[in-house]
Amino acid sequence: MQLELGQLIIDTTGGCLDTGVVIEIREDPYGDDVYHIYWVCPRNETSDYTTTLEYTQEELEHEYSHCFEVVELK
């Protein structure tokens, strides 16, 4: 799976519906893509948070197979 800058991702793990956006794509020293995804994570009451996580192509494909939904760009 190849993602593009600005692509949206929904993490459906445990029904939390965290929303991520690809903010950077870079190449690691081995030539593999590394994706930086900014996540907005709404939680009950005041524990909402945001974070930026880095995923290798392999990690992303593993997560996508069971908990990520990618919103297709048009």
Protein backbone atom coordinates (compact mmCIF):
# COMPACT_ATOMS: atom_id res chain seq x y z
CA MET A 1 0.00 0.00 0.00
CA GLN A 2 1.34 3.41 -0.97
CA LEU A 3 0.02 6.45 0.84
CA GLU A 4 0.17 10.06 -0.30
CA LEU A 5 0.68 13.28 1.59
CA GLY A 6 -2.61 14.45 3.04
CA GLN A 7 -4.19 11.01 2.93
CA LEU A 8 -6.59 10.27 5.79
CA ILE A 9 -6.56 7.09 7.86
CA ILE A 10 -9.13 5.90 10.38
CA ASP A 11 -7.95 3.59 13.17
CA THR A 12 -10.92 1.43 14.16
CA THR A 13 -9.15 -0.43 16.98
CA GLY A 14 -11.54 -0.89 19.86
CA GLY A 15 -14.09 1.40 18.26
CA CYS A 16 -12.01 4.51 19.04
CA LEU A 17 -12.09 6.00 15.50
CA ASP A 18 -8.82 7.91 15.76
CA THR A 19 -8.15 9.96 12.63
CA GLY A 20 -4.72 10.34 11.08
CA VAL A 21 -3.30 12.34 8.20
CA VAL A 22 -0.02 11.61 6.39
CA ILE A 23 2.15 14.68 6.99
CA GLU A 24 5.52 13.44 5.73
CA ILE A 25 6.90 10.62 3.62
CA ARG A 26 10.61 10.00 3.57
CA GLU A 27 12.96 7.26 2.52
CA ASP A 28 15.01 5.37 5.07
CA PRO A 29 18.66 4.41 4.40
CA TYR A 30 17.50 1.15 2.78
CA GLY A 31 15.21 2.91 0.29
CA ASP A 32 11.98 1.98 2.07
CA ASP A 33 9.20 4.54 2.63
CA VAL A 34 8.62 5.81 6.16
CA TYR A 35 5.34 7.59 6.87
CA HIS A 36 4.76 10.23 9.54
CA ILE A 37 1.09 10.29 10.54
CA TYR A 38 -0.46 12.98 12.74
CA TRP A 39 -3.24 11.44 14.84
CA VAL A 40 -6.21 13.11 16.49
CA CYS A 41 -7.49 10.81 19.21
CA PRO A 42 -10.80 11.80 20.79
CA ARG A 43 -11.52 10.15 24.10
CA ASN A 44 -14.18 10.49 26.75
CA GLU A 45 -14.25 13.72 28.72
CA THR A 46 -10.87 15.53 28.92
CA SER A 47 -8.40 12.88 27.85
CA ASP A 48 -8.40 13.73 24.11
CA TYR A 49 -4.91 13.87 22.63
CA THR A 50 -2.89 14.27 19.45
CA THR A 51 0.36 12.60 18.49
CA THR A 52 2.62 12.02 15.50
CA LEU A 53 3.78 8.46 14.87
CA GLU A 54 6.22 7.05 12.35
CA TYR A 55 5.46 3.84 10.45
CA THR A 56 7.61 1.80 8.13
CA GLN A 57 5.93 0.36 5.07
CA GLU A 58 5.89 -3.07 6.72
CA GLU A 59 4.32 -1.78 9.95
CA LEU A 60 1.69 0.13 8.02
CA GLU A 61 0.73 -2.90 5.94
CA HIS A 62 0.42 -5.00 9.10
CA GLU A 63 -1.79 -2.40 10.83
CA TYR A 64 -3.85 -1.84 7.68
CA SER A 65 -4.63 -5.53 7.45
CA HIS A 66 -6.64 -5.48 10.68
CA CYS A 67 -7.34 -1.98 12.07
CA PHE A 68 -6.69 0.88 9.61
CA GLU A 69 -9.13 2.14 7.00
CA VAL A 70 -7.57 4.39 4.37
CA VAL A 71 -9.73 7.15 2.90
CA GLU A 72 -9.03 7.22 -0.84
CA LEU A 73 -7.96 10.55 -2.30
CA LYS A 74 -9.89 11.77 -5.31
